[in-house]
Amino acid sequence: MHAKDILIDGYGRIREEVHAAVEGLGPDDLNARPTAETNSIAWLIWHLTRVQDDHIADAFDLDQVWLTQDWEKRFGLGLPRRDTGYGHSAAKVGKVRVDSRDLLTGYYDAVHEQTLRALRGVSAADLERVVDERWDPPVTLGVRLVSVLSDDLQHVGQAAYVRGLLQSAVA
């Protein structure tokens, strides 16, 4: 199995978990925060999607889906155009309110498709290409792709946990 096939499988698992995390949830559950200092399911899914969109676009010299397909306008969050949620305060987390799981999964699916198109063209040599020299050692494409994969899986796991908390409170 080629490394790109492993990456494609891994990113496919994120997509499955994103859909599972929001399945059947309405706006109240999507935007609920277990405490005033914690993240909502909506914020977690939005954030992991923004990070994937931002980092994949940067690594492959692509435009962000958020900007080119008008997702920024559809969400209407009132945040800076390129905001990914990194370093958000509790107040900023609260600004990310979503009325529809379809909005979240639609944006995720659009980003996922761009990610898959980029990954399908990756060679083993491409994975060694430096994409970020701000770190020591510099970050290669392979490291960046695994980093995004890891970050996204952690956040979708957090969304599933919040979902479980909300469902156990109702039971």
Protein backbone atom coordinates (compact mmCIF):
# COMPACT_ATOMS: atom_id res chain seq x y z
CA MET A 1 0.00 0.00 0.00
CA HIS A 2 1.33 3.44 -0.95
CA ALA A 3 1.54 6.14 1.71
CA LYS A 4 -1.02 8.23 -0.17
CA ASP A 5 -3.52 5.36 0.10
CA ILE A 6 -3.04 5.28 3.86
CA LEU A 7 -3.58 9.04 4.01
CA ILE A 8 -6.70 8.82 1.83
CA ASP A 9 -8.06 6.12 4.14
CA GLY A 10 -7.28 8.20 7.22
CA TYR A 11 -8.96 11.32 5.87
CA GLY A 12 -11.94 9.17 4.87
CA ARG A 13 -12.26 8.09 8.50
CA ILE A 14 -12.45 11.74 9.57
CA ARG A 15 -15.34 12.25 7.16
CA GLU A 16 -17.20 9.22 8.55
CA GLU A 17 -16.77 10.46 12.12
CA VAL A 18 -17.79 14.04 11.26
CA HIS A 19 -21.07 12.77 9.83
CA ALA A 20 -21.62 10.43 12.80
CA ALA A 21 -20.95 13.22 15.31
CA VAL A 22 -23.71 15.46 13.95
CA GLU A 23 -26.23 12.87 12.71
CA GLY A 24 -29.73 13.70 13.91
CA LEU A 25 -28.69 16.78 15.90
CA GLY A 26 -30.59 20.04 15.76
CA PRO A 27 -29.27 23.55 16.40
CA ASP A 28 -29.67 23.35 20.18
CA ASP A 29 -27.47 20.27 20.47
CA LEU A 30 -24.97 21.44 17.84
CA ASN A 31 -24.41 24.71 19.70
CA ALA A 32 -24.66 23.42 23.28
CA ARG A 33 -21.57 23.83 25.42
CA PRO A 34 -21.23 21.59 28.49
CA THR A 35 -19.73 24.57 30.32
CA ALA A 36 -19.12 28.20 29.40
CA GLU A 37 -15.44 27.38 28.83
CA THR A 38 -15.86 24.32 26.60
CA ASN A 39 -16.38 23.86 22.89
CA SER A 40 -19.63 23.00 21.18
CA ILE A 41 -20.00 20.27 18.56
CA ALA A 42 -20.56 23.00 15.98
CA TRP A 43 -17.34 24.78 16.92
CA LEU A 44 -15.32 21.54 16.95
CA ILE A 45 -16.52 20.42 13.51
CA TRP A 46 -16.19 23.93 12.06
CA HIS A 47 -12.67 24.28 13.50
CA LEU A 48 -11.37 20.92 12.34
CA THR A 49 -12.74 21.63 8.88
CA ARG A 50 -11.20 25.11 8.79
CA VAL A 51 -7.81 23.71 9.83
CA GLN A 52 -7.94 21.02 7.15
CA ASP A 53 -9.06 23.57 4.54
CA ASP A 54 -6.36 26.08 5.51
CA HIS A 55 -3.48 23.64 5.86
CA ILE A 56 -4.23 21.51 2.78
CA ALA A 57 -4.73 24.61 0.63
CA ASP A 58 -1.43 26.03 1.87
CA ALA A 59 0.51 22.78 1.44
CA PHE A 60 -0.71 22.23 -2.13
CA ASP A 61 -0.86 25.91 -3.19
CA LEU A 62 -4.65 25.81 -3.56
CA ASP A 63 -7.37 28.28 -2.67
CA GLN A 64 -9.35 27.62 0.48
CA VAL A 65 -12.79 26.15 -0.11
CA TRP A 66 -14.04 28.45 2.69
CA LEU A 67 -13.36 31.46 0.50
CA THR A 68 -13.82 30.18 -3.07
CA GLN A 69 -17.13 28.37 -2.51
CA ASP A 70 -18.69 31.07 -0.31
CA TRP A 71 -18.81 28.94 2.84
CA GLU A 72 -17.66 31.98 4.81
CA LYS A 73 -20.82 33.82 3.71
CA ARG A 74 -23.08 30.80 4.26
CA PHE A 75 -21.88 30.45 7.84
CA GLY A 76 -22.07 34.21 8.49
CA LEU A 77 -20.04 34.05 11.70
CA GLY A 78 -18.70 37.59 11.68
CA LEU A 79 -15.13 36.39 12.21
CA PRO A 80 -12.09 37.40 10.17
CA ARG A 81 -12.20 35.72 6.73
CA ARG A 82 -9.23 33.42 7.34
CA ASP A 83 -10.02 32.58 10.97
CA THR A 84 -9.60 28.88 11.71
CA GLY A 85 -10.52 28.97 15.37
CA TYR A 86 -6.94 28.51 16.52
CA GLY A 87 -6.52 30.20 19.91
CA HIS A 88 -10.19 31.13 20.23
CA SER A 89 -11.28 32.43 23.59
CA ALA A 90 -14.48 31.11 25.15
CA ALA A 91 -16.26 34.22 23.83
CA LYS A 92 -15.11 33.57 20.27
CA VAL A 93 -16.10 29.91 20.54
CA GLY A 94 -19.57 31.17 21.44
CA LYS A 95 -19.72 33.20 18.21
CA VAL A 96 -19.56 30.00 16.15
CA ARG A 97 -23.23 29.09 16.05
CA VAL A 98 -24.61 26.87 13.33
CA ASP A 99 -28.29 26.31 12.57
CA SER A 100 -27.90 23.15 10.51
CA ARG A 101 -25.80 20.00 10.59
CA ASP A 102 -26.09 20.05 6.78
CA LEU A 103 -24.11 23.29 6.74
CA LEU A 104 -21.33 21.66 8.76
CA THR A 105 -21.25 18.43 6.74
CA GLY A 106 -21.61 20.30 3.44
CA TYR A 107 -18.55 22.39 4.20
CA TYR A 108 -16.64 19.38 5.50
CA ASP A 109 -17.51 17.33 2.40
CA ALA A 110 -16.35 20.14 0.09
CA VAL A 111 -13.03 20.35 1.95
CA HIS A 112 -12.75 16.56 1.96
CA GLU A 113 -13.15 16.46 -1.82
CA GLN A 114 -10.39 19.03 -2.27
CA THR A 115 -8.19 17.05 0.12
CA LEU A 116 -8.79 13.81 -1.80
CA ARG A 117 -7.99 15.46 -5.14
CA ALA A 118 -4.71 16.73 -3.68
CA LEU A 119 -3.82 13.40 -2.07
CA ARG A 120 -4.50 11.36 -5.21
CA GLY A 121 -1.65 13.16 -6.95
CA VAL A 122 0.92 12.73 -4.16
CA SER A 123 4.07 10.71 -4.79
CA ALA A 124 6.44 9.36 -2.17
CA ALA A 125 8.95 12.06 -3.14
CA ASP A 126 6.31 14.78 -2.66
CA LEU A 127 5.96 13.80 0.99
CA GLU A 128 9.55 14.98 1.59
CA ARG A 129 8.87 18.47 0.19
CA VAL A 130 9.22 21.20 2.84
CA VAL A 131 5.98 23.14 3.23
CA ASP A 132 6.76 25.23 6.31
CA GLU A 133 10.19 26.54 7.20
CA ARG A 134 9.04 28.33 10.36
CA TRP A 135 9.74 25.21 12.44
CA ASP A 136 12.95 23.45 13.41
CA PRO A 137 13.15 21.05 11.73
CA PRO A 138 11.18 22.40 8.79
CA VAL A 139 7.82 20.70 8.22
CA THR A 140 7.51 18.37 5.25
CA LEU A 141 4.30 17.66 3.37
CA GLY A 142 4.14 14.19 4.93
CA VAL A 143 4.45 15.59 8.45
CA ARG A 144 1.86 18.31 7.74
CA LEU A 145 -0.64 15.77 6.36
CA VAL A 146 -0.25 13.51 9.40
CA SER A 147 -0.47 16.52 11.73
CA VAL A 148 -3.80 17.64 10.21
CA LEU A 149 -5.07 14.06 10.29
CA SER A 150 -4.18 13.75 13.97
CA ASP A 151 -5.66 17.14 14.92
CA ASP A 152 -8.90 16.45 13.06
CA LEU A 153 -9.33 13.00 14.61
CA GLN A 154 -8.80 14.47 18.07
CA HIS A 155 -11.41 17.17 17.49
CA VAL A 156 -13.99 14.84 15.97
CA GLY A 157 -13.45 12.56 18.98
CA GLN A 158 -14.12 15.54 21.24
CA ALA A 159 -17.32 16.26 19.28
CA ALA A 160 -18.43 12.64 19.77
CA TYR A 161 -17.70 12.98 23.49
CA VAL A 162 -19.77 16.17 23.77
CA ARG A 163 -22.56 14.40 21.88
CA GLY A 164 -22.42 11.59 24.43
CA LEU A 165 -22.57 14.06 27.30
CA LEU A 166 -25.62 15.75 25.80
CA GLN A 167 -27.38 12.46 25.13
CA SER A 168 -26.67 11.14 28.63
CA ALA A 169 -28.12 14.34 30.14
CA VAL A 170 -31.39 13.72 28.32
CA ALA A 171 -31.65 10.05 29.28
